[in-house]
Amino acid sequence: MSNSEHSFSTADIDQNLQQIKALLEQEELDHAELLALVNIRDKLVLEQLNQLDDEQKQLFGKAELATNQLLQSQAQSLYEQTEKQLAKLVRNRKVIKKYK
């Protein structure tokens, strides 16, 4: 995933982004931790938006949209991988039950 920091981002937002990226790259995803980090990110972004003027809000919003799309894409990929693994597990369980 590319670096998605931008000029209107804060150190807290950047740190949160790095934490989310690191979590998404782990072998096993901690869903509760991801949800907590995403909720923190939402709060940080809203706080930053409240400090910007209208023009800056537009630029910040566009940059954050691009960042969020990258995160969503990676999370969607992980979801699809998990779905495939779950389907394979279910098929394997059926085969095992058949031979018991």
PDB file of N, CA and C in Angstrom:
ATOM      1  N   MET A   1       0.851  -1.161   0.000  1.00  0.00           N
ATOM      2  CA  MET A   1       0.000   0.000   0.000  1.00  0.00           C
ATOM      3  C   MET A   1       0.901   1.228   0.000  1.00  0.00           C
ATOM      4  N   SER A   2       0.566   2.216  -0.785  1.00  0.00           N
ATOM      5  CA  SER A   2       1.402   3.398  -0.873  1.00  0.00           C
ATOM      6  C   SER A   2       1.208   4.302   0.334  1.00  0.00           C
ATOM      7  N   ASN A   3       2.119   5.224   0.499  1.00  0.00           N
ATOM      8  CA  ASN A   3       2.037   6.189   1.578  1.00  0.00           C
ATOM      9  C   ASN A   3       0.904   7.157   1.255  1.00  0.00           C
ATOM     10  N   SER A   4      -0.054   7.291   2.156  1.00  0.00           N
ATOM     11  CA  SER A   4      -1.232   8.104   1.876  1.00  0.00           C
ATOM     12  C   SER A   4      -1.289   9.346   2.737  1.00  0.00           C
ATOM     13  N   GLU A   5      -0.174   9.722   3.337  1.00  0.00           N
ATOM     14  CA  GLU A   5      -0.141  10.929   4.144  1.00  0.00           C
ATOM     15  C   GLU A   5      -0.182  12.129   3.213  1.00  0.00           C
ATOM     16  N   HIS A   6      -0.757  13.235   3.693  1.00  0.00           N
ATOM     17  CA  HIS A   6      -0.873  14.429   2.876  1.00  0.00           C
ATOM     18  C   HIS A   6      -0.684  15.661   3.745  1.00  0.00           C
ATOM     19  N   SER A   7      -0.668  16.825   3.130  1.00  0.00           N
ATOM     20  CA  SER A   7      -0.292  18.050   3.838  1.00  0.00           C
ATOM     21  C   SER A   7      -1.263  18.448   4.947  1.00  0.00           C
ATOM     22  N   PHE A   8      -2.511  18.049   4.879  1.00  0.00           N
ATOM     23  CA  PHE A   8      -3.471  18.422   5.919  1.00  0.00           C
ATOM     24  C   PHE A   8      -3.613  17.356   6.995  1.00  0.00           C
ATOM     25  N   SER A   9      -2.881  16.300   6.849  1.00  0.00           N
ATOM     26  CA  SER A   9      -2.932  15.219   7.823  1.00  0.00           C
ATOM     27  C   SER A   9      -2.174  15.626   9.085  1.00  0.00           C
ATOM     28  N   THR A  10      -2.596  15.078  10.207  1.00  0.00           N
ATOM     29  CA  THR A  10      -1.902  15.347  11.469  1.00  0.00           C
ATOM     30  C   THR A  10      -1.029  14.148  11.827  1.00  0.00           C
ATOM     31  N   ALA A  11      -0.152  14.352  12.783  1.00  0.00           N
ATOM     32  CA  ALA A  11       0.705  13.255  13.242  1.00  0.00           C
ATOM     33  C   ALA A  11      -0.148  12.111  13.788  1.00  0.00           C
ATOM     34  N   ASP A  12      -1.222  12.443  14.491  1.00  0.00           N
ATOM     35  CA  ASP A  12      -2.106  11.402  15.038  1.00  0.00           C
ATOM     36  C   ASP A  12      -2.796  10.612  13.929  1.00  0.00           C
ATOM     37  N   ILE A  13      -3.246  11.294  12.897  1.00  0.00           N
ATOM     38  CA  ILE A  13      -3.895  10.611  11.765  1.00  0.00           C
ATOM     39  C   ILE A  13      -2.880   9.731  11.041  1.00  0.00           C
ATOM     40  N   ASP A  14      -1.683  10.259  10.849  1.00  0.00           N
ATOM     41  CA  ASP A  14      -0.640   9.470  10.174  1.00  0.00           C
ATOM     42  C   ASP A  14      -0.274   8.230  10.983  1.00  0.00           C
ATOM     43  N   GLN A  15      -0.147   8.392  12.297  1.00  0.00           N
ATOM     44  CA  GLN A  15       0.179   7.258  13.160  1.00  0.00           C
ATOM     45  C   GLN A  15      -0.935   6.220  13.120  1.00  0.00           C
ATOM     46  N   ASN A  16      -2.170   6.676  13.160  1.00  0.00           N
ATOM     47  CA  ASN A  16      -3.318   5.768  13.091  1.00  0.00           C
ATOM     48  C   ASN A  16      -3.314   5.014  11.763  1.00  0.00           C
ATOM     49  N   LEU A  17      -3.019   5.703  10.678  1.00  0.00           N
ATOM     50  CA  LEU A  17      -2.960   5.076   9.358  1.00  0.00           C
ATOM     51  C   LEU A  17      -1.897   3.978   9.340  1.00  0.00           C
ATOM     52  N   GLN A  18      -0.750   4.260   9.910  1.00  0.00           N
ATOM     53  CA  GLN A  18       0.317   3.255   9.951  1.00  0.00           C
ATOM     54  C   GLN A  18      -0.100   2.045  10.785  1.00  0.00           C
ATOM     55  N   GLN A  19      -0.823   2.284  11.870  1.00  0.00           N
ATOM     56  CA  GLN A  19      -1.308   1.181  12.699  1.00  0.00           C
ATOM     57  C   GLN A  19      -2.303   0.316  11.927  1.00  0.00           C
ATOM     58  N   ILE A  20      -3.196   0.960  11.190  1.00  0.00           N
ATOM     59  CA  ILE A  20      -4.178   0.210  10.391  1.00  0.00           C
ATOM     60  C   ILE A  20      -3.468  -0.593   9.305  1.00  0.00           C
ATOM     61  N   LYS A  21      -2.523   0.036   8.617  1.00  0.00           N
ATOM     62  CA  LYS A  21      -1.776  -0.666   7.573  1.00  0.00           C
ATOM     63  C   LYS A  21      -1.054  -1.883   8.135  1.00  0.00           C
ATOM     64  N   ALA A  22      -0.402  -1.706   9.282  1.00  0.00           N
ATOM     65  CA  ALA A  22       0.328  -2.813   9.907  1.00  0.00           C
ATOM     66  C   ALA A  22      -0.623  -3.935  10.289  1.00  0.00           C
ATOM     67  N   LEU A  23      -1.770  -3.589  10.805  1.00  0.00           N
ATOM     68  CA  LEU A  23      -2.751  -4.593  11.195  1.00  0.00           C
ATOM     69  C   LEU A  23      -3.260  -5.362   9.979  1.00  0.00           C
ATOM     70  N   LEU A  24      -3.518  -4.657   8.887  1.00  0.00           N
ATOM     71  CA  LEU A  24      -4.016  -5.305   7.678  1.00  0.00           C
ATOM     72  C   LEU A  24      -2.977  -6.217   7.032  1.00  0.00           C
ATOM     73  N   GLU A  25      -1.719  -6.021   7.362  1.00  0.00           N
ATOM     74  CA  GLU A  25      -0.658  -6.852   6.795  1.00  0.00           C
ATOM     75  C   GLU A  25      -0.329  -8.069   7.644  1.00  0.00           C
ATOM     76  N   GLN A  26      -0.946  -8.182   8.818  1.00  0.00           N
ATOM     77  CA  GLN A  26      -0.684  -9.320   9.689  1.00  0.00           C
ATOM     78  C   GLN A  26      -1.300 -10.590   9.120  1.00  0.00           C
ATOM     79  N   GLU A  27      -0.712 -11.714   9.511  1.00  0.00           N
ATOM     80  CA  GLU A  27      -1.191 -13.031   9.066  1.00  0.00           C
ATOM     81  C   GLU A  27      -2.655 -13.245   9.464  1.00  0.00           C
ATOM     82  N   GLU A  28      -2.951 -12.958  10.734  1.00  0.00           N
ATOM     83  CA  GLU A  28      -4.326 -13.088  11.225  1.00  0.00           C
ATOM     84  C   GLU A  28      -4.827 -11.723  11.643  1.00  0.00           C
ATOM     85  N   LEU A  29      -5.937 -11.326  11.080  1.00  0.00           N
ATOM     86  CA  LEU A  29      -6.505 -10.012  11.333  1.00  0.00           C
ATOM     87  C   LEU A  29      -7.292 -10.013  12.640  1.00  0.00           C
ATOM     88  N   ASP A  30      -6.999  -9.045  13.500  1.00  0.00           N
ATOM     89  CA  ASP A  30      -7.754  -8.845  14.734  1.00  0.00           C
ATOM     90  C   ASP A  30      -8.880  -7.871  14.410  1.00  0.00           C
ATOM     91  N   HIS A  31     -10.077  -8.409  14.185  1.00  0.00           N
ATOM     92  CA  HIS A  31     -11.209  -7.584  13.751  1.00  0.00           C
ATOM     93  C   HIS A  31     -11.579  -6.521  14.775  1.00  0.00           C
ATOM     94  N   ALA A  32     -11.521  -6.869  16.058  1.00  0.00           N
ATOM     95  CA  ALA A  32     -11.869  -5.911  17.111  1.00  0.00           C
ATOM     96  C   ALA A  32     -10.881  -4.748  17.114  1.00  0.00           C
ATOM     97  N   GLU A  33      -9.610  -5.063  16.956  1.00  0.00           N
ATOM     98  CA  GLU A  33      -8.603  -4.004  16.925  1.00  0.00           C
ATOM     99  C   GLU A  33      -8.770  -3.132  15.683  1.00  0.00           C
ATOM    100  N   LEU A  34      -9.084  -3.751  14.547  1.00  0.00           N
ATOM    101  CA  LEU A  34      -9.315  -2.980  13.323  1.00  0.00           C
ATOM    102  C   LEU A  34     -10.489  -2.033  13.510  1.00  0.00           C
ATOM    103  N   LEU A  35     -11.579  -2.524  14.068  1.00  0.00           N
ATOM    104  CA  LEU A  35     -12.746  -1.676  14.300  1.00  0.00           C
ATOM    105  C   LEU A  35     -12.393  -0.519  15.225  1.00  0.00           C
ATOM    106  N   ALA A  36     -11.633  -0.795  16.276  1.00  0.00           N
ATOM    107  CA  ALA A  36     -11.231   0.263  17.206  1.00  0.00           C
ATOM    108  C   ALA A  36     -10.382   1.319  16.494  1.00  0.00           C
ATOM    109  N   LEU A  37      -9.429   0.874  15.679  1.00  0.00           N
ATOM    110  CA  LEU A  37      -8.572   1.818  14.955  1.00  0.00           C
ATOM    111  C   LEU A  37      -9.359   2.635  13.937  1.00  0.00           C
ATOM    112  N   VAL A  38     -10.312   2.010  13.278  1.00  0.00           N
ATOM    113  CA  VAL A  38     -11.138   2.730  12.303  1.00  0.00           C
ATOM    114  C   VAL A  38     -12.004   3.773  13.017  1.00  0.00           C
ATOM    115  N   ASN A  39     -12.541   3.427  14.172  1.00  0.00           N
ATOM    116  CA  ASN A  39     -13.334   4.394  14.943  1.00  0.00           C
ATOM    117  C   ASN A  39     -12.479   5.564  15.416  1.00  0.00           C
ATOM    118  N   ILE A  40     -11.254   5.265  15.827  1.00  0.00           N
ATOM    119  CA  ILE A  40     -10.333   6.342  16.222  1.00  0.00           C
ATOM    120  C   ILE A  40     -10.032   7.226  15.018  1.00  0.00           C
ATOM    121  N   ARG A  41      -9.798   6.593  13.866  1.00  0.00           N
ATOM    122  CA  ARG A  41      -9.512   7.353  12.639  1.00  0.00           C
ATOM    123  C   ARG A  41     -10.668   8.287  12.296  1.00  0.00           C
ATOM    124  N   ASP A  42     -11.874   7.791  12.407  1.00  0.00           N
ATOM    125  CA  ASP A  42     -13.051   8.609  12.131  1.00  0.00           C
ATOM    126  C   ASP A  42     -13.072   9.842  13.034  1.00  0.00           C
ATOM    127  N   LYS A  43     -12.823   9.632  14.312  1.00  0.00           N
ATOM    128  CA  LYS A  43     -12.802  10.742  15.274  1.00  0.00           C
ATOM    129  C   LYS A  43     -11.699  11.744  14.933  1.00  0.00           C
ATOM    130  N   LEU A  44     -10.508  11.249  14.631  1.00  0.00           N
ATOM    131  CA  LEU A  44      -9.383  12.131  14.293  1.00  0.00           C
ATOM    132  C   LEU A  44      -9.654  12.945  13.032  1.00  0.00           C
ATOM    133  N   VAL A  45     -10.221  12.299  12.028  1.00  0.00           N
ATOM    134  CA  VAL A  45     -10.517  12.987  10.768  1.00  0.00           C
ATOM    135  C   VAL A  45     -11.573  14.058  10.990  1.00  0.00           C
ATOM    136  N   LEU A  46     -12.623  13.742  11.746  1.00  0.00           N
ATOM    137  CA  LEU A  46     -13.664  14.734  12.027  1.00  0.00           C
ATOM    138  C   LEU A  46     -13.103  15.919  12.813  1.00  0.00           C
ATOM    139  N   GLU A  47     -12.228  15.644  13.775  1.00  0.00           N
ATOM    140  CA  GLU A  47     -11.596  16.728  14.540  1.00  0.00           C
ATOM    141  C   GLU A  47     -10.778  17.630  13.627  1.00  0.00           C
ATOM    142  N   GLN A  48     -10.034  17.022  12.700  1.00  0.00           N
ATOM    143  CA  GLN A  48      -9.216  17.807  11.778  1.00  0.00           C
ATOM    144  C   GLN A  48     -10.099  18.631  10.839  1.00  0.00           C
ATOM    145  N   LEU A  49     -11.171  18.035  10.352  1.00  0.00           N
ATOM    146  CA  LEU A  49     -12.083  18.766   9.468  1.00  0.00           C
ATOM    147  C   LEU A  49     -12.629  20.017  10.143  1.00  0.00           C
ATOM    148  N   ASN A  50     -12.925  19.916  11.427  1.00  0.00           N
ATOM    149  CA  ASN A  50     -13.470  21.064  12.163  1.00  0.00           C
ATOM    150  C   ASN A  50     -12.477  22.206  12.303  1.00  0.00           C
ATOM    151  N   GLN A  51     -11.197  21.947  12.062  1.00  0.00           N
ATOM    152  CA  GLN A  51     -10.165  22.975  12.206  1.00  0.00           C
ATOM    153  C   GLN A  51      -9.774  23.625  10.881  1.00  0.00           C
ATOM    154  N   LEU A  52     -10.333  23.155   9.786  1.00  0.00           N
ATOM    155  CA  LEU A  52      -9.946  23.650   8.465  1.00  0.00           C
ATOM    156  C   LEU A  52     -10.993  24.589   7.896  1.00  0.00           C
ATOM    157  N   ASP A  53     -10.541  25.489   7.011  1.00  0.00           N
ATOM    158  CA  ASP A  53     -11.508  26.334   6.304  1.00  0.00           C
ATOM    159  C   ASP A  53     -12.122  25.532   5.156  1.00  0.00           C
ATOM    160  N   ASP A  54     -13.084  26.083   4.489  1.00  0.00           N
ATOM    161  CA  ASP A  54     -13.843  25.339   3.475  1.00  0.00           C
ATOM    162  C   ASP A  54     -12.969  24.790   2.351  1.00  0.00           C
ATOM    163  N   GLU A  55     -12.031  25.606   1.865  1.00  0.00           N
ATOM    164  CA  GLU A  55     -11.163  25.139   0.779  1.00  0.00           C
ATOM    165  C   GLU A  55     -10.257  24.003   1.262  1.00  0.00           C
ATOM    166  N   GLN A  56      -9.707  24.159   2.451  1.00  0.00           N
ATOM    167  CA  GLN A  56      -8.851  23.123   3.020  1.00  0.00           C
ATOM    168  C   GLN A  56      -9.646  21.843   3.289  1.00  0.00           C
ATOM    169  N   LYS A  57     -10.887  22.010   3.719  1.00  0.00           N
ATOM    170  CA  LYS A  57     -11.742  20.834   3.962  1.00  0.00           C
ATOM    171  C   LYS A  57     -11.904  20.022   2.688  1.00  0.00           C
ATOM    172  N   GLN A  58     -12.100  20.721   1.563  1.00  0.00           N
ATOM    173  CA  GLN A  58     -12.255  20.012   0.281  1.00  0.00           C
ATOM    174  C   GLN A  58     -10.994  19.243  -0.073  1.00  0.00           C
ATOM    175  N   LEU A  59      -9.855  19.874   0.064  1.00  0.00           N
ATOM    176  CA  LEU A  59      -8.582  19.220  -0.264  1.00  0.00           C
ATOM    177  C   LEU A  59      -8.320  18.050   0.687  1.00  0.00           C
ATOM    178  N   PHE A  60      -8.558  18.269   1.971  1.00  0.00           N
ATOM    179  CA  PHE A  60      -8.373  17.221   2.968  1.00  0.00           C
ATOM    180  C   PHE A  60      -9.322  16.060   2.680  1.00  0.00           C
ATOM    181  N   GLY A  61     -10.568  16.382   2.377  1.00  0.00           N
ATOM    182  CA  GLY A  61     -11.568  15.353   2.088  1.00  0.00           C
ATOM    183  C   GLY A  61     -11.184  14.493   0.889  1.00  0.00           C
ATOM    184  N   LYS A  62     -10.682  15.128  -0.154  1.00  0.00           N
ATOM    185  CA  LYS A  62     -10.250  14.378  -1.341  1.00  0.00           C
ATOM    186  C   LYS A  62      -9.081  13.456  -1.016  1.00  0.00           C
ATOM    187  N   ALA A  63      -8.137  13.973  -0.251  1.00  0.00           N
ATOM    188  CA  ALA A  63      -6.974  13.162   0.110  1.00  0.00           C
ATOM    189  C   ALA A  63      -7.384  11.999   1.012  1.00  0.00           C
ATOM    190  N   GLU A  64      -8.268  12.260   1.959  1.00  0.00           N
ATOM    191  CA  GLU A  64      -8.735  11.211   2.854  1.00  0.00           C
ATOM    192  C   GLU A  64      -9.586  10.173   2.119  1.00  0.00           C
ATOM    193  N   LEU A  65     -10.341  10.617   1.140  1.00  0.00           N
ATOM    194  CA  LEU A  65     -11.133   9.679   0.339  1.00  0.00           C
ATOM    195  C   LEU A  65     -10.213   8.692  -0.375  1.00  0.00           C
ATOM    196  N   ALA A  66      -9.130   9.208  -0.945  1.00  0.00           N
ATOM    197  CA  ALA A  66      -8.174   8.326  -1.622  1.00  0.00           C
ATOM    198  C   ALA A  66      -7.561   7.338  -0.628  1.00  0.00           C
ATOM    199  N   THR A  67      -7.206   7.820   0.554  1.00  0.00           N
ATOM    200  CA  THR A  67      -6.640   6.947   1.588  1.00  0.00           C
ATOM    201  C   THR A  67      -7.646   5.884   1.993  1.00  0.00           C
ATOM    202  N   ASN A  68      -8.871   6.298   2.231  1.00  0.00           N
ATOM    203  CA  ASN A  68      -9.904   5.349   2.648  1.00  0.00           C
ATOM    204  C   ASN A  68     -10.203   4.316   1.569  1.00  0.00           C
ATOM    205  N   GLN A  69     -10.132   4.721   0.318  1.00  0.00           N
ATOM    206  CA  GLN A  69     -10.359   3.767  -0.770  1.00  0.00           C
ATOM    207  C   GLN A  69      -9.256   2.710  -0.800  1.00  0.00           C
ATOM    208  N   LEU A  70      -8.020   3.118  -0.534  1.00  0.00           N
ATOM    209  CA  LEU A  70      -6.914   2.151  -0.468  1.00  0.00           C
ATOM    210  C   LEU A  70      -7.122   1.168   0.685  1.00  0.00           C
ATOM    211  N   LEU A  71      -7.502   1.690   1.841  1.00  0.00           N
ATOM    212  CA  LEU A  71      -7.750   0.834   2.997  1.00  0.00           C
ATOM    213  C   LEU A  71      -8.927  -0.105   2.742  1.00  0.00           C
ATOM    214  N   GLN A  72      -9.975   0.428   2.147  1.00  0.00           N
ATOM    215  CA  GLN A  72     -11.155  -0.395   1.847  1.00  0.00           C
ATOM    216  C   GLN A  72     -10.807  -1.495   0.853  1.00  0.00           C
ATOM    217  N   SER A  73     -10.008  -1.185  -0.120  1.00  0.00           N
ATOM    218  CA  SER A  73      -9.600  -2.176  -1.116  1.00  0.00           C
ATOM    219  C   SER A  73      -8.828  -3.313  -0.460  1.00  0.00           C
ATOM    220  N   GLN A  74      -7.909  -2.966   0.425  1.00  0.00           N
ATOM    221  CA  GLN A  74      -7.119  -4.000   1.094  1.00  0.00           C
ATOM    222  C   GLN A  74      -8.002  -4.830   2.024  1.00  0.00           C
ATOM    223  N   ALA A  75      -8.898  -4.180   2.749  1.00  0.00           N
ATOM    224  CA  ALA A  75      -9.800  -4.903   3.647  1.00  0.00           C
ATOM    225  C   ALA A  75     -10.734  -5.816   2.852  1.00  0.00           C
ATOM    226  N   GLN A  76     -11.212  -5.357   1.699  1.00  0.00           N
ATOM    227  CA  GLN A  76     -12.086  -6.169   0.857  1.00  0.00           C
ATOM    228  C   GLN A  76     -11.351  -7.402   0.361  1.00  0.00           C
ATOM    229  N   SER A  77     -10.098  -7.230  -0.010  1.00  0.00           N
ATOM    230  CA  SER A  77      -9.288  -8.362  -0.461  1.00  0.00           C
ATOM    231  C   SER A  77      -9.147  -9.399   0.654  1.00  0.00           C
ATOM    232  N   LEU A  78      -8.891  -8.935   1.872  1.00  0.00           N
ATOM    233  CA  LEU A  78      -8.782  -9.849   3.014  1.00  0.00           C
ATOM    234  C   LEU A  78     -10.105 -10.560   3.268  1.00  0.00           C
ATOM    235  N   TYR A  79     -11.189  -9.842   3.138  1.00  0.00           N
ATOM    236  CA  TYR A  79     -12.517 -10.434   3.320  1.00  0.00           C
ATOM    237  C   TYR A  79     -12.749 -11.548   2.294  1.00  0.00           C
ATOM    238  N   GLU A  80     -12.412 -11.290   1.050  1.00  0.00           N
ATOM    239  CA  GLU A  80     -12.603 -12.288   0.007  1.00  0.00           C
ATOM    240  C   GLU A  80     -11.734 -13.514   0.239  1.00  0.00           C
ATOM    241  N   GLN A  81     -10.504 -13.306   0.703  1.00  0.00           N
ATOM    242  CA  GLN A  81      -9.628 -14.439   1.019  1.00  0.00           C
ATOM    243  C   GLN A  81     -10.216 -15.273   2.151  1.00  0.00           C
ATOM    244  N   THR A  82     -10.726 -14.600   3.168  1.00  0.00           N
ATOM    245  CA  THR A  82     -11.328 -15.294   4.303  1.00  0.00           C
ATOM    246  C   THR A  82     -12.561 -16.069   3.867  1.00  0.00           C
ATOM    247  N   GLU A  83     -13.344 -15.487   3.013  1.00  0.00           N
ATOM    248  CA  GLU A  83     -14.548 -16.144   2.504  1.00  0.00           C
ATOM    249  C   GLU A  83     -14.185 -17.428   1.749  1.00  0.00           C
ATOM    250  N   LYS A  84     -13.138 -17.374   0.941  1.00  0.00           N
ATOM    251  CA  LYS A  84     -12.691 -18.556   0.201  1.00  0.00           C
ATOM    252  C   LYS A  84     -12.184 -19.636   1.158  1.00  0.00           C
ATOM    253  N   GLN A  85     -11.431 -19.222   2.181  1.00  0.00           N
ATOM    254  CA  GLN A  85     -10.920 -20.186   3.160  1.00  0.00           C
ATOM    255  C   GLN A  85     -12.068 -20.840   3.927  1.00  0.00           C
ATOM    256  N   LEU A  86     -13.073 -20.057   4.261  1.00  0.00           N
ATOM    257  CA  LEU A  86     -14.224 -20.590   4.985  1.00  0.00           C
ATOM    258  C   LEU A  86     -14.997 -21.588   4.116  1.00  0.00           C
ATOM    259  N   ALA A  87     -15.179 -21.259   2.849  1.00  0.00           N
ATOM    260  CA  ALA A  87     -15.873 -22.175   1.938  1.00  0.00           C
ATOM    261  C   ALA A  87     -15.102 -23.490   1.807  1.00  0.00           C
ATOM    262  N   LYS A  88     -13.795 -23.403   1.726  1.00  0.00           N
ATOM    263  CA  LYS A  88     -12.961 -24.606   1.636  1.00  0.00           C
ATOM    264  C   LYS A  88     -13.086 -25.434   2.911  1.00  0.00           C
ATOM    265  N   LEU A  89     -13.096 -24.788   4.057  1.00  0.00           N
ATOM    266  CA  LEU A  89     -13.252 -25.477   5.333  1.00  0.00           C
ATOM    267  C   LEU A  89     -14.594 -26.207   5.403  1.00  0.00           C
ATOM    268  N   VAL A  90     -15.640 -25.557   4.978  1.00  0.00           N
ATOM    269  CA  VAL A  90     -16.969 -26.174   4.987  1.00  0.00           C
ATOM    270  C   VAL A  90     -16.995 -27.393   4.070  1.00  0.00           C
ATOM    271  N   ARG A  91     -16.419 -27.278   2.882  1.00  0.00           N
ATOM    272  CA  ARG A  91     -16.360 -28.416   1.960  1.00  0.00           C
ATOM    273  C   ARG A  91     -15.586 -29.578   2.576  1.00  0.00           C
ATOM    274  N   ASN A  92     -14.449 -29.258   3.192  1.00  0.00           N
ATOM    275  CA  ASN A  92     -13.635 -30.301   3.823  1.00  0.00           C
ATOM    276  C   ASN A  92     -14.378 -30.975   4.971  1.00  0.00           C
ATOM    277  N   ARG A  93     -15.126 -30.235   5.742  1.00  0.00           N
ATOM    278  CA  ARG A  93     -15.900 -30.820   6.837  1.00  0.00           C
ATOM    279  C   ARG A  93     -16.959 -31.779   6.300  1.00  0.00           C
ATOM    280  N   LYS A  94     -17.587 -31.404   5.200  1.00  0.00           N
ATOM    281  CA  LYS A  94     -18.592 -32.281   4.597  1.00  0.00           C
ATOM    282  C   LYS A  94     -17.967 -33.585   4.141  1.00  0.00           C
ATOM    283  N   VAL A  95     -16.781 -33.501   3.567  1.00  0.00           N
ATOM    284  CA  VAL A  95     -16.079 -34.701   3.103  1.00  0.00           C
ATOM    285  C   VAL A  95     -15.717 -35.577   4.303  1.00  0.00           C
ATOM    286  N   ILE A  96     -15.253 -34.971   5.369  1.00  0.00           N
ATOM    287  CA  ILE A  96     -14.885 -35.747   6.565  1.00  0.00           C
ATOM    288  C   ILE A  96     -16.113 -36.434   7.152  1.00  0.00           C
ATOM    289  N   LYS A  97     -17.223 -35.722   7.233  1.00  0.00           N
ATOM    290  CA  LYS A  97     -18.453 -36.324   7.779  1.00  0.00           C
ATOM    291  C   LYS A  97     -18.922 -37.480   6.904  1.00  0.00           C
ATOM    292  N   LYS A  98     -18.734 -37.348   5.612  1.00  0.00           N
ATOM    293  CA  LYS A  98     -19.153 -38.386   4.681  1.00  0.00           C
ATOM    294  C   LYS A  98     -18.410 -39.686   4.929  1.00  0.00           C
ATOM    295  N   TYR A  99     -17.141 -39.596   5.315  1.00  0.00           N
ATOM    296  CA  TYR A  99     -16.325 -40.779   5.511  1.00  0.00           C
ATOM    297  C   TYR A  99     -16.309 -41.282   6.948  1.00  0.00           C
ATOM    298  N   LYS A 100     -17.008 -40.631   7.859  1.00  0.00           N
ATOM    299  CA  LYS A 100     -17.071 -41.114   9.256  1.00  0.00           C
ATOM    300  C   LYS A 100     -18.025 -42.247   9.412  1.00  0.00           C
TER     301      LYS A 100
END
